[in-house]
Amino acid sequence: MDRVLNPILSDRVISLINGREHHGQLVFTTNNVLFLNLTSLMKEQIYFITKDQSPLRSEIYSLSDFPEIRYTSPGIYELYIKGLLGGTAGEQPNNNAGH
């Protein structure tokens, strides 16, 4: 999504998919932390993948698994960058973050 489209066009595509009555869905992956906001996406639409180095096993989980994250919570990307939400190789979510 962020490799081909500029940020403004990416936001418009997401708004189009979220705002229409349709029977489809858009699934995309990204490494762009700018998508970690709760103005364009709902908590239930944001997923992380954490890879455990030892058994090389991956875990997928939703931002909605963190009950303390509210739609009024600022800086979701900052929590991610600090490692509090997991999602990076070898890191597990911080137990204090609610997961």
C-alpha atoms as a PDB file:
ATOM      1  CA  MET A   1       0.000   0.000   0.000  1.00  0.00           C
ATOM      2  CA  ASP A   2       2.700   2.490   0.928  1.00  0.00           C
ATOM      3  CA  ARG A   3       5.186   1.329  -1.667  1.00  0.00           C
ATOM      4  CA  VAL A   4       3.102   2.240  -4.702  1.00  0.00           C
ATOM      5  CA  LEU A   5       0.719   4.923  -3.476  1.00  0.00           C
ATOM      6  CA  ASN A   6       1.577   8.241  -1.904  1.00  0.00           C
ATOM      7  CA  PRO A   7       0.209   8.845   1.634  1.00  0.00           C
ATOM      8  CA  ILE A   8      -2.685  11.048   0.508  1.00  0.00           C
ATOM      9  CA  LEU A   9      -3.873   8.526  -2.056  1.00  0.00           C
ATOM     10  CA  SER A  10      -3.432   5.679   0.458  1.00  0.00           C
ATOM     11  CA  ASP A  11      -5.691   7.519   2.928  1.00  0.00           C
ATOM     12  CA  ARG A  12      -8.282   8.061   0.205  1.00  0.00           C
ATOM     13  CA  VAL A  13      -8.310   4.366  -0.725  1.00  0.00           C
ATOM     14  CA  ILE A  14      -8.760   3.383   2.930  1.00  0.00           C
ATOM     15  CA  SER A  15     -11.559   5.944   3.335  1.00  0.00           C
ATOM     16  CA  LEU A  16     -13.263   4.636   0.210  1.00  0.00           C
ATOM     17  CA  ILE A  17     -13.165   1.041   1.471  1.00  0.00           C
ATOM     18  CA  ASN A  18     -14.264   2.002   5.003  1.00  0.00           C
ATOM     19  CA  GLY A  19     -16.995   4.378   3.856  1.00  0.00           C
ATOM     20  CA  ARG A  20     -18.864   2.302   1.314  1.00  0.00           C
ATOM     21  CA  GLU A  21     -21.514  -0.334   1.698  1.00  0.00           C
ATOM     22  CA  HIS A  22     -19.932  -3.244  -0.112  1.00  0.00           C
ATOM     23  CA  HIS A  23     -19.162  -6.896   0.371  1.00  0.00           C
ATOM     24  CA  GLY A  24     -15.427  -6.765  -0.182  1.00  0.00           C
ATOM     25  CA  GLN A  25     -12.395  -6.077   1.908  1.00  0.00           C
ATOM     26  CA  LEU A  26      -8.908  -4.726   1.456  1.00  0.00           C
ATOM     27  CA  VAL A  27      -6.068  -6.527   3.194  1.00  0.00           C
ATOM     28  CA  PHE A  28      -2.626  -4.980   3.009  1.00  0.00           C
ATOM     29  CA  THR A  29       0.660  -5.181   4.821  1.00  0.00           C
ATOM     30  CA  THR A  30       2.924  -2.281   5.555  1.00  0.00           C
ATOM     31  CA  ASN A  31       5.986  -1.279   7.512  1.00  0.00           C
ATOM     32  CA  ASN A  32       4.836   2.330   7.557  1.00  0.00           C
ATOM     33  CA  VAL A  33       4.014   3.383  11.131  1.00  0.00           C
ATOM     34  CA  LEU A  34       1.932   6.291   9.810  1.00  0.00           C
ATOM     35  CA  PHE A  35      -0.891   3.789   9.248  1.00  0.00           C
ATOM     36  CA  LEU A  36      -0.972   3.208  13.019  1.00  0.00           C
ATOM     37  CA  ASN A  37      -3.642   5.778  13.702  1.00  0.00           C
ATOM     38  CA  LEU A  38      -7.193   5.459  14.878  1.00  0.00           C
ATOM     39  CA  THR A  39      -8.602   8.158  12.634  1.00  0.00           C
ATOM     40  CA  SER A  40      -8.440   6.089   9.434  1.00  0.00           C
ATOM     41  CA  LEU A  41      -8.692   2.596  10.875  1.00  0.00           C
ATOM     42  CA  MET A  42     -10.465   0.909  13.771  1.00  0.00           C
ATOM     43  CA  LYS A  43      -8.555  -1.034  16.430  1.00  0.00           C
ATOM     44  CA  GLU A  44     -10.070  -4.244  15.064  1.00  0.00           C
ATOM     45  CA  GLN A  45      -8.577  -3.503  11.641  1.00  0.00           C
ATOM     46  CA  ILE A  46      -4.948  -3.203  12.786  1.00  0.00           C
ATOM     47  CA  TYR A  47      -2.968  -6.409  13.311  1.00  0.00           C
ATOM     48  CA  PHE A  48       0.611  -7.067  14.327  1.00  0.00           C
ATOM     49  CA  ILE A  49       2.812 -10.076  13.725  1.00  0.00           C
ATOM     50  CA  THR A  50       5.526 -10.936  16.230  1.00  0.00           C
ATOM     51  CA  LYS A  51       8.094 -13.584  15.410  1.00  0.00           C
ATOM     52  CA  ASP A  52       9.665 -15.592  18.202  1.00  0.00           C
ATOM     53  CA  GLN A  53      13.337 -16.218  17.377  1.00  0.00           C
ATOM     54  CA  SER A  54      13.735 -19.475  19.272  1.00  0.00           C
ATOM     55  CA  PRO A  55      11.119 -21.773  17.710  1.00  0.00           C
ATOM     56  CA  LEU A  56      10.719 -19.419  14.692  1.00  0.00           C
ATOM     57  CA  ARG A  57       6.997 -19.180  15.357  1.00  0.00           C
ATOM     58  CA  SER A  58       4.875 -16.166  14.473  1.00  0.00           C
ATOM     59  CA  GLU A  59       1.925 -14.791  16.397  1.00  0.00           C
ATOM     60  CA  ILE A  60      -0.721 -12.503  14.935  1.00  0.00           C
ATOM     61  CA  TYR A  61      -2.845 -10.310  17.178  1.00  0.00           C
ATOM     62  CA  SER A  62      -5.030  -7.247  16.936  1.00  0.00           C
ATOM     63  CA  LEU A  63      -4.657  -3.795  18.408  1.00  0.00           C
ATOM     64  CA  SER A  64      -8.072  -4.464  19.956  1.00  0.00           C
ATOM     65  CA  ASP A  65      -6.329  -7.034  22.214  1.00  0.00           C
ATOM     66  CA  PHE A  66      -4.994  -4.054  24.171  1.00  0.00           C
ATOM     67  CA  PRO A  67      -8.013  -2.891  26.218  1.00  0.00           C
ATOM     68  CA  GLU A  68      -6.267   0.238  27.481  1.00  0.00           C
ATOM     69  CA  ILE A  69      -5.919   1.566  23.916  1.00  0.00           C
ATOM     70  CA  ARG A  70      -8.881   3.866  23.308  1.00  0.00           C
ATOM     71  CA  TYR A  71      -9.885   5.759  20.212  1.00  0.00           C
ATOM     72  CA  THR A  72      -8.840   8.881  22.080  1.00  0.00           C
ATOM     73  CA  SER A  73      -5.360   7.454  22.772  1.00  0.00           C
ATOM     74  CA  PRO A  74      -2.741   9.578  21.015  1.00  0.00           C
ATOM     75  CA  GLY A  75       0.398   8.244  19.401  1.00  0.00           C
ATOM     76  CA  ILE A  76      -0.315   4.574  18.668  1.00  0.00           C
ATOM     77  CA  TYR A  77       2.783   4.584  16.463  1.00  0.00           C
ATOM     78  CA  GLU A  78       4.856   5.846  19.407  1.00  0.00           C
ATOM     79  CA  LEU A  79       3.768   2.857  21.515  1.00  0.00           C
ATOM     80  CA  TYR A  80       4.731   0.595  18.618  1.00  0.00           C
ATOM     81  CA  ILE A  81       8.147   2.228  18.163  1.00  0.00           C
ATOM     82  CA  LYS A  82       8.832   1.835  21.903  1.00  0.00           C
ATOM     83  CA  GLY A  83       8.094  -1.901  21.595  1.00  0.00           C
ATOM     84  CA  LEU A  84       5.013  -1.749  23.829  1.00  0.00           C
ATOM     85  CA  LEU A  85       2.824  -3.357  21.168  1.00  0.00           C
ATOM     86  CA  GLY A  86       5.300  -5.974  19.916  1.00  0.00           C
ATOM     87  CA  GLY A  87       5.254  -6.564  16.188  1.00  0.00           C
ATOM     88  CA  THR A  88       9.014  -6.606  15.635  1.00  0.00           C
ATOM     89  CA  ALA A  89      11.257  -9.646  15.260  1.00  0.00           C
ATOM     90  CA  GLY A  90      12.169 -11.170  18.590  1.00  0.00           C
ATOM     91  CA  GLU A  91       9.965  -8.848  20.633  1.00  0.00           C
ATOM     92  CA  GLN A  92       6.864  -9.870  22.486  1.00  0.00           C
ATOM     93  CA  PRO A  93       4.255  -7.305  23.512  1.00  0.00           C
ATOM     94  CA  ASN A  94       4.899  -5.770  26.893  1.00  0.00           C
ATOM     95  CA  ASN A  95       2.707  -7.516  29.477  1.00  0.00           C
ATOM     96  CA  ASN A  96       1.979  -4.136  31.015  1.00  0.00           C
ATOM     97  CA  ALA A  97       0.405  -3.047  27.745  1.00  0.00           C
ATOM     98  CA  GLY A  98      -2.535  -5.359  28.292  1.00  0.00           C
ATOM     99  CA  HIS A  99      -1.733  -8.258  25.998  1.00  0.00           C
END
